[in-house]
Protein backbone atom coordinates (compact mmCIF):
# COMPACT_ATOMS: atom_id res chain seq x y z
CA MET A 1 -89.75 261.12 196.12
CA LYS A 2 -87.50 258.14 196.71
CA CYS A 3 -87.11 256.15 199.92
CA ARG A 4 -84.59 257.82 202.20
CA VAL A 5 -82.90 254.47 202.90
CA CYS A 6 -83.17 252.21 199.86
CA ASN A 7 -83.94 254.71 197.07
CA SER A 8 -87.08 252.83 196.02
CA THR A 9 -89.98 254.71 194.41
CA LYS A 10 -92.52 252.18 195.78
CA LEU A 11 -93.88 254.55 198.44
CA GLU A 12 -97.46 254.67 199.63
CA LEU A 13 -99.32 257.20 201.78
CA VAL A 14 -100.50 255.60 205.03
CA PHE A 15 -101.31 258.61 207.27
CA ASP A 16 -102.12 262.19 206.21
CA LEU A 17 -101.96 264.69 209.08
CA GLY A 18 -102.72 267.64 206.80
CA MET A 19 -100.82 270.85 206.15
CA GLN A 20 -98.98 271.82 209.34
CA PRO A 21 -96.40 274.41 210.40
CA TRP A 22 -92.96 273.29 211.47
CA GLY A 23 -93.68 272.39 215.10
CA ASN A 24 -90.62 274.03 216.66
CA ASN A 25 -91.34 277.37 214.97
CA PHE A 26 -92.69 279.05 218.09
CA LEU A 27 -93.88 282.52 217.14
CA LYS A 28 -93.48 286.06 218.36
CA LYS A 29 -96.66 288.17 218.40
CA ASN A 30 -95.80 289.97 215.16
CA GLN A 31 -95.30 286.61 213.40
CA LEU A 32 -98.80 285.26 214.09
CA GLY A 33 -100.47 284.10 210.89
CA LYS A 34 -97.25 284.39 208.89
CA GLU A 35 -95.87 280.91 209.58
CA LYS A 36 -95.38 278.54 206.64
CA PHE A 37 -97.34 275.31 206.39
CA TYR A 38 -95.99 272.08 204.89
CA PRO A 39 -97.46 268.65 204.11
CA LEU A 40 -97.22 266.28 207.08
CA GLU A 41 -97.64 262.87 205.47
CA LEU A 42 -96.37 259.48 206.58
CA VAL A 43 -95.48 257.21 203.68
CA TYR A 44 -94.52 253.54 203.70
CA CYS A 45 -91.78 251.98 201.57
CA ASN A 46 -92.97 248.73 200.04
CA SER A 47 -89.34 247.73 199.39
CA CYS A 48 -87.59 248.16 202.78
CA TYR A 49 -90.70 248.65 205.01
CA LEU A 50 -89.51 251.97 206.46
CA SER A 51 -92.06 254.67 207.31
CA GLN A 52 -90.96 258.22 206.63
CA LEU A 53 -92.18 261.72 205.82
CA SER A 54 -92.96 262.59 202.23
CA TYR A 55 -91.73 266.19 202.60
CA THR A 56 -88.46 267.59 203.94
CA VAL A 57 -88.31 270.97 205.65
CA LYS A 58 -84.67 271.97 205.16
CA LYS A 59 -82.39 271.20 208.11
CA GLU A 60 -81.07 274.78 208.09
CA ILE A 61 -84.61 276.00 208.85
CA MET A 62 -85.30 273.50 211.63
CA PHE A 63 -82.00 272.99 213.40
CA SER A 64 -79.81 276.11 213.04
CA ASN A 65 -81.58 277.81 215.95
CA HIS A 66 -84.34 276.32 218.07
CA THR A 67 -85.74 276.27 221.60
CA TYR A 68 -85.58 272.60 222.62
CA LEU A 69 -83.44 271.86 225.67
CA SER A 70 -82.71 268.27 226.77
CA GLY A 71 -81.87 269.28 230.31
CA MET A 72 -85.28 270.72 231.24
CA THR A 73 -86.67 267.57 232.86
CA SER A 74 -85.13 265.38 235.52
CA SER A 75 -86.65 262.30 233.82
CA LEU A 76 -84.55 262.78 230.69
CA SER A 77 -81.40 263.65 232.62
CA ASN A 78 -81.84 260.54 234.76
CA HIS A 79 -82.34 258.47 231.61
CA PHE A 80 -79.03 259.72 230.20
CA LYS A 81 -77.35 259.05 233.53
CA SER A 82 -78.54 255.45 233.48
CA ILE A 83 -77.27 255.05 229.89
CA SER A 84 -73.82 256.38 230.85
CA HIS A 85 -73.55 253.98 233.79
CA TYR A 86 -74.81 251.04 231.73
CA ILE A 87 -72.22 251.68 229.02
CA ASP A 88 -69.45 252.22 231.56
CA GLU A 89 -70.22 249.04 233.49
CA ASN A 90 -70.63 246.81 230.42
CA PHE A 91 -68.04 248.10 227.95
CA ASN A 92 -65.35 249.75 230.04
CA LYS A 93 -64.23 246.90 232.26
CA LYS A 94 -60.60 248.03 232.26
CA LYS A 95 -61.76 251.41 233.62
CA ASN A 96 -59.28 253.22 231.44
CA LYS A 97 -60.21 256.71 230.28
CA LYS A 98 -62.27 256.54 227.08
CA ASN A 99 -63.84 259.02 224.72
CA ILE A 100 -67.34 259.59 223.41
CA LEU A 101 -68.82 261.64 220.58
CA ASP A 102 -72.44 262.78 220.88
CA ILE A 103 -74.22 263.69 217.63
CA GLY A 104 -76.99 266.22 218.15
CA SER A 105 -75.71 266.77 221.69
CA ASN A 106 -78.06 269.67 222.45
CA ASP A 107 -77.21 271.39 225.77
CA GLY A 108 -74.76 268.62 226.69
CA VAL A 109 -76.83 266.98 229.42
CA CYS A 110 -76.03 263.45 228.17
CA LEU A 111 -72.30 264.14 227.83
CA LYS A 112 -72.25 265.70 231.30
CA HIS A 113 -72.95 262.28 232.79
CA PHE A 114 -70.16 260.64 230.77
CA LYS A 115 -67.80 263.46 231.72
CA ASN A 116 -68.62 262.86 235.39
CA LEU A 117 -67.42 259.26 234.87
CA GLY A 118 -64.08 260.48 233.54
CA TYR A 119 -64.72 260.25 229.80
CA LYS A 120 -63.29 262.70 227.30
CA VAL A 121 -66.35 264.15 225.56
CA LEU A 122 -67.15 265.96 222.34
CA GLY A 123 -70.57 267.11 221.19
CA VAL A 124 -71.70 268.12 217.73
CA GLU A 125 -74.77 270.37 217.80
CA SER A 126 -76.31 272.13 214.81
CA SER A 127 -78.11 274.86 216.76
CA LYS A 128 -75.88 277.85 217.38
CA ASN A 129 -77.75 279.09 220.46
CA ILE A 130 -77.92 275.64 222.08
CA SER A 131 -74.25 274.81 221.42
CA LYS A 132 -73.33 278.08 223.17
CA ILE A 133 -75.23 276.89 226.24
CA ALA A 134 -73.36 273.56 226.18
CA ASN A 135 -69.94 275.20 225.88
CA LYS A 136 -70.85 277.61 228.67
CA ASN A 137 -71.57 274.51 230.77
CA HIS A 138 -68.02 273.22 229.98
CA ILE A 139 -69.18 270.52 227.55
CA LYS A 140 -66.93 270.85 224.51
CA THR A 141 -69.33 271.23 221.59
CA LEU A 142 -68.78 271.81 217.89
CA ASN A 143 -71.48 273.88 216.18
CA ALA A 144 -72.07 271.96 212.92
CA PHE A 145 -74.34 269.58 211.06
CA TYR A 146 -72.59 266.24 211.50
CA ASN A 147 -71.95 264.36 208.24
CA PHE A 148 -69.08 262.49 206.58
CA LYS A 149 -67.22 265.73 205.83
CA VAL A 150 -67.40 266.82 209.49
CA ALA A 151 -66.42 263.30 210.60
CA LYS A 152 -63.22 263.57 208.58
CA GLU A 153 -62.55 267.06 209.97
CA ILE A 154 -62.90 265.72 213.53
CA ASN A 155 -60.53 262.93 212.45
CA THR A 156 -60.72 261.02 215.73
CA LYS A 157 -61.70 257.44 216.50
CA PHE A 158 -64.12 257.11 219.39
CA ASP A 159 -64.82 254.28 221.80
CA PHE A 160 -68.45 255.34 221.85
CA ILE A 161 -70.68 257.44 219.62
CA ASN A 162 -74.11 258.45 220.86
CA ALA A 163 -77.10 259.73 218.88
CA SER A 164 -80.14 260.31 221.07
CA GLY A 165 -83.33 261.50 219.44
CA VAL A 166 -81.45 262.59 216.33
CA PHE A 167 -80.87 259.59 214.07
CA PHE A 168 -84.43 259.87 212.75
CA HIS A 169 -83.94 263.59 211.96
CA LEU A 170 -81.32 263.14 209.29
CA GLU A 171 -81.66 264.77 205.92
CA GLU A 172 -78.12 263.57 205.05
CA LEU A 173 -78.83 260.07 206.32
CA HIS A 174 -76.20 258.08 204.43
CA SER A 175 -73.49 260.73 204.83
CA VAL A 176 -74.04 260.74 208.62
CA THR A 177 -74.00 256.93 208.82
CA LYS A 178 -70.81 256.85 206.77
CA GLY A 179 -69.32 259.41 209.20
CA ILE A 180 -70.23 257.24 212.18
CA LYS A 181 -68.56 254.26 210.53
CA PHE A 182 -65.45 256.42 209.98
CA ASN A 183 -65.30 257.82 213.55
CA LEU A 184 -66.03 254.53 215.36
CA LYS A 185 -63.09 252.54 216.72
CA ASP A 186 -62.67 248.97 215.55
CA ASP A 187 -64.26 247.65 218.76
CA GLY A 188 -66.34 250.80 219.35
CA VAL A 189 -70.05 250.95 220.14
CA PHE A 190 -72.57 253.28 218.50
CA ILE A 191 -75.48 253.99 220.86
CA VAL A 192 -78.51 254.99 218.81
CA GLN A 193 -81.60 256.04 220.76
CA PHE A 194 -84.77 256.48 218.74
CA LEU A 195 -88.52 256.68 219.07
CA TYR A 196 -89.64 253.14 218.39
CA MET A 197 -92.33 253.03 215.72
CA GLY A 198 -93.82 249.86 217.15
CA GLN A 199 -94.43 251.66 220.43
CA ILE A 200 -95.72 254.81 218.70
CA MET A 201 -98.35 252.70 216.96
CA LYS A 202 -99.16 250.78 220.15
CA ASN A 203 -99.67 254.03 222.11
CA VAL A 204 -101.36 255.81 219.18
CA ALA A 205 -98.77 258.50 219.89
CA PHE A 206 -99.26 260.08 216.47
CA ASP A 207 -98.07 263.47 217.81
CA GLN A 208 -94.51 262.14 217.66
CA ILE A 209 -94.85 262.53 213.91
CA TYR A 210 -93.60 265.99 212.98
CA HIS A 211 -91.34 267.60 210.41
CA GLU A 212 -88.13 267.19 212.41
CA HIS A 213 -88.71 263.43 212.52
CA LEU A 214 -88.10 262.36 208.94
CA LEU A 215 -87.81 258.60 209.59
CA TYR A 216 -89.67 256.17 211.89
CA TYR A 217 -87.60 253.10 212.66
CA ASN A 218 -88.26 249.66 213.95
CA LEU A 219 -85.23 247.45 214.58
CA ILE A 220 -85.56 245.58 211.30
CA THR A 221 -85.85 248.77 209.23
CA LEU A 222 -82.91 250.36 211.05
CA GLN A 223 -80.78 247.30 210.35
CA ASN A 224 -81.67 247.59 206.65
CA LEU A 225 -79.93 250.99 206.70
CA LEU A 226 -76.96 249.78 208.75
CA ASP A 227 -76.41 246.84 206.38
CA MET A 228 -75.52 249.34 203.68
CA HIS A 229 -72.65 250.63 205.83
CA ASP A 230 -71.33 247.32 207.19
CA LEU A 231 -72.68 248.01 210.69
CA GLU A 232 -75.02 245.87 212.77
CA ILE A 233 -77.21 246.01 215.85
CA PHE A 234 -76.00 243.45 218.38
CA ASP A 235 -78.15 244.43 221.36
CA ALA A 236 -81.25 246.53 222.04
CA TYR A 237 -83.73 247.30 224.78
CA LEU A 238 -86.82 249.46 225.14
CA THR A 239 -86.88 252.27 227.71
CA ASN A 240 -89.84 254.18 229.17
CA ILE A 241 -88.55 257.63 228.18
CA HIS A 242 -90.69 259.51 225.61
CA GLY A 243 -93.32 256.80 225.82
CA GLY A 244 -91.05 254.13 224.39
CA GLN A 245 -87.56 254.91 223.16
CA MET A 246 -85.41 252.11 221.84
CA VAL A 247 -81.72 251.95 222.71
CA ALA A 248 -79.82 249.98 220.06
CA LEU A 249 -76.15 249.11 220.43
CA VAL A 250 -74.37 249.01 217.10
CA SER A 251 -70.89 247.87 216.08
CA HIS A 252 -68.89 247.10 212.99
CA LYS A 253 -70.17 243.80 211.55
CA GLN A 254 -69.49 240.63 213.56
CA LYS A 255 -67.64 242.31 216.44
CA TYR A 256 -70.12 241.27 219.14
CA ASN A 257 -72.50 238.36 219.56
CA LEU A 258 -76.19 239.11 219.05
CA THR A 259 -77.94 239.11 222.43
CA ALA A 260 -81.00 237.03 223.30
CA ARG A 261 -83.07 240.10 224.21
CA TYR A 262 -82.34 241.70 220.84
CA LEU A 263 -83.40 238.54 219.02
CA ARG A 264 -86.62 238.45 221.12
CA LEU A 265 -87.41 242.02 220.04
CA ILE A 266 -86.94 241.04 216.40
CA LEU A 267 -89.33 238.11 216.85
CA ASN A 268 -91.90 240.42 218.46
CA GLU A 269 -91.66 242.86 215.55
CA LYS A 270 -92.56 240.04 213.21
CA LYS A 271 -95.27 238.69 215.52
CA TRP A 272 -97.05 242.05 215.87
CA GLY A 273 -96.58 243.04 212.22
CA TYR A 274 -94.84 246.30 213.03
CA ASN A 275 -93.33 246.48 209.55
CA LYS A 276 -96.49 245.68 207.62
CA LYS A 277 -98.48 248.30 205.73
CA LYS A 278 -101.82 247.19 207.19
CA THR A 279 -100.52 247.95 210.72
CA TYR A 280 -99.87 251.55 209.65
CA ILE A 281 -103.39 251.85 208.21
CA THR A 282 -104.81 250.64 211.54
CA PHE A 283 -102.62 253.18 213.34
CA SER A 284 -104.03 256.00 211.18
CA ASP A 285 -107.60 254.86 211.91
CA ASN A 286 -106.86 254.70 215.65
CA ALA A 287 -105.55 258.28 215.56
CA LYS A 288 -108.82 259.46 213.99
CA THR A 289 -110.77 257.77 216.79
CA LEU A 290 -108.47 259.36 219.38
CA LYS A 291 -109.15 262.77 217.82
CA GLU A 292 -112.91 262.27 218.10
CA ASN A 293 -112.67 261.20 221.75
CA ASN A 294 -110.41 264.10 222.73
CA LEU A 295 -112.60 266.70 221.05
CA LYS A 296 -115.66 265.22 222.81
CA PHE A 297 -113.86 265.56 226.16
CA ILE A 298 -112.90 269.19 225.50
CA ASP A 299 -116.36 270.10 224.19
CA HIS A 300 -118.02 268.52 227.24
CA ALA A 301 -115.67 270.40 229.62
CA LEU A 302 -116.24 273.75 227.89
CA LYS A 303 -120.03 273.28 228.01
CA LYS A 304 -119.62 272.86 231.78
CA LYS A 305 -117.69 276.20 231.83
CA LYS A 306 -114.43 274.48 232.80
CA LEU A 307 -111.19 276.40 232.26
CA ILE A 308 -108.59 274.31 230.40
CA TYR A 309 -104.87 275.11 230.21
CA GLY A 310 -102.35 273.13 228.22
CA LEU A 311 -99.47 271.76 230.28
CA GLY A 312 -96.19 271.87 228.41
CA ALA A 313 -95.43 273.28 224.97
CA PRO A 314 -93.46 270.43 223.36
CA VAL A 315 -92.97 270.29 219.61
CA LYS A 316 -95.12 267.16 219.42
CA GLY A 317 -97.91 269.09 221.12
CA ASN A 318 -98.21 271.26 218.03
CA THR A 319 -98.84 268.19 215.85
CA LEU A 320 -101.64 267.23 218.23
CA LEU A 321 -103.15 270.72 218.51
CA ASN A 322 -103.15 271.24 214.75
CA TYR A 323 -104.38 267.74 213.84
CA PHE A 324 -107.17 267.99 216.41
CA GLY A 325 -108.00 271.58 215.39
CA ILE A 326 -107.58 272.94 218.94
CA ASN A 327 -107.16 276.72 219.22
CA LYS A 328 -106.97 279.44 221.89
CA THR A 329 -110.76 279.66 222.22
CA MET A 330 -110.66 276.11 223.60
CA ILE A 331 -107.33 276.20 225.44
CA PRO A 332 -106.32 279.85 226.13
CA LYS A 333 -102.83 279.18 227.53
CA LEU A 334 -99.98 276.68 227.46
CA LEU A 335 -97.89 276.56 230.65
CA GLU A 336 -94.21 275.75 230.10
CA ILE A 337 -91.01 275.46 232.17
CA ASN A 338 -88.57 276.25 229.32
CA ASN A 339 -87.51 279.91 229.53
CA LEU A 340 -86.63 279.95 225.81
CA ARG A 341 -90.36 279.65 224.99
CA LYS A 342 -91.50 282.44 227.33
CA ASN A 343 -94.11 284.76 225.75
CA LEU A 344 -94.06 282.92 222.43
CA TYR A 345 -97.05 281.38 220.65
CA ALA A 346 -97.68 277.85 219.40
CA PRO A 347 -97.50 277.70 215.58
CA GLY A 348 -100.82 277.07 213.89
CA SER A 349 -103.03 277.22 216.98
CA HIS A 350 -101.55 280.58 218.15
CA ILE A 351 -102.05 279.65 221.82
CA PRO A 352 -99.83 281.88 224.01
CA ILE A 353 -97.11 280.25 226.12
CA ILE A 354 -96.75 281.35 229.73
CA LEU A 355 -94.04 280.23 232.14
CA GLU A 356 -95.54 277.85 234.66
CA LYS A 357 -93.90 279.67 237.59
CA GLU A 358 -95.42 283.00 236.50
CA GLU A 359 -99.05 281.88 236.14
CA THR A 360 -101.02 282.38 239.36
CA LYS A 361 -104.49 281.33 238.19
CA LYS A 362 -105.10 277.59 238.21
CA PRO A 363 -107.42 275.95 235.67
CA ASP A 364 -110.03 273.29 236.29
CA ILE A 365 -108.25 270.98 233.85
CA PHE A 366 -104.66 270.63 232.69
CA TYR A 367 -104.59 269.14 229.19
CA VAL A 368 -101.15 267.55 229.31
CA LEU A 369 -99.27 267.89 226.03
CA ALA A 370 -96.04 266.73 227.70
CA TRP A 371 -97.75 263.38 228.36
CA ASN A 372 -94.46 261.44 228.13
CA PHE A 373 -93.46 262.87 231.53
CA LYS A 374 -96.70 261.69 233.18
CA LYS A 375 -95.09 260.16 236.26
CA GLU A 376 -92.98 263.25 236.96
CA ILE A 377 -95.92 265.62 236.37
CA LEU A 378 -98.33 263.75 238.65
CA SER A 379 -95.70 263.49 241.39
CA LYS A 380 -94.95 267.22 241.19
CA ASN A 381 -98.61 268.26 241.30
CA LYS A 382 -100.05 266.14 244.13
CA ASP A 383 -101.33 269.22 245.98
CA LEU A 384 -103.24 270.51 242.94
CA ILE A 385 -104.76 267.07 242.37
CA LYS A 386 -105.95 267.03 246.00
CA LYS A 387 -107.60 270.41 245.36
CA GLY A 388 -109.57 268.94 242.47
CA VAL A 389 -107.54 270.05 239.46
CA GLN A 390 -107.84 267.38 236.76
CA PHE A 391 -104.83 266.27 234.71
CA TYR A 392 -106.00 264.89 231.39
CA PHE A 393 -103.55 262.93 229.23
CA PRO A 394 -104.53 262.83 225.53
CA ILE A 395 -102.03 260.00 224.91
CA ASN A 396 -101.75 257.13 227.36
CA ILE A 397 -98.69 254.90 227.40
CA LYS A 398 -99.30 251.17 227.12
CA LYS A 399 -96.80 248.68 228.50
């Protein structure tokens, strides 16, 4: 393959997570054992320093219909609310009505907060079932895969364009970036929110590597892509959501001054070697150690006859379950709050998913796959913790 950004062939394998099913392919009972497996390999580009997947599961398979809903947790909704207010307070000083385009807008929860502030909103969502939910919630949403062709069909200039948790999914990476350039007003701001690879490595959050996430950006590697389209990051800050999501503010070249905090982040990337191959090798080794420690914990608990349930059935949880080799003999159930995953099974491990509100029996241990919502989960389950139920987090966020 060639690098998804710079087209170089100087790619090197740095982390092999084995053959895995597409993580969002939750199964019905009659589909068990019939799911396809694909290579899940992280490779490093020696030319532009970007880490990326070696194999692409076609976007039509992964994103035409799926079960992920942004609006399921208050933490994520509150995060989007804070983004909307930050943008409004810092870039809308005249308080005139502005417009925003959200790429990969999901159920519209982010746009809802902008709409509440008086913005004219438009979402573009590839999943037919999810875009129906957004439109039902009165968030105008176009069901399409955004790219340069769709950008021209929209044929509108936007004050703001948002891409949250989607800019690292892109099979048509350069076409999408070209579309953003086309749809962005001369003084417009592109808000790109992405899992920050530096933080993934710091947290050993290897489960955030899965087939939907084709690219793993740091700020320097993202700017390498933007340079090709005459765009630049002028500000950035790290948020706590998802264990460390970067918010980068992007404009046409030389429209805004580069902020001090952005320049500090760039210096830190260089200081900690986030774009060096040896850092990725260390990350891979740390994930192997994490696997050993987690399996020791589970084995010890099972020998003590402890009942373990998984808490949450996120897509990233399937990377973890399959890389660790955890199956339903070890964890017999995953408890979930998303109705779209009711009575389905996790791909690969085949652990059944039960709605949290419908499960009456409590385990001795909750093995928390939705570890990125730790604060919310612990707050919600204070009574169970008092009763002695243990909440075990396989990934722990480091500041």
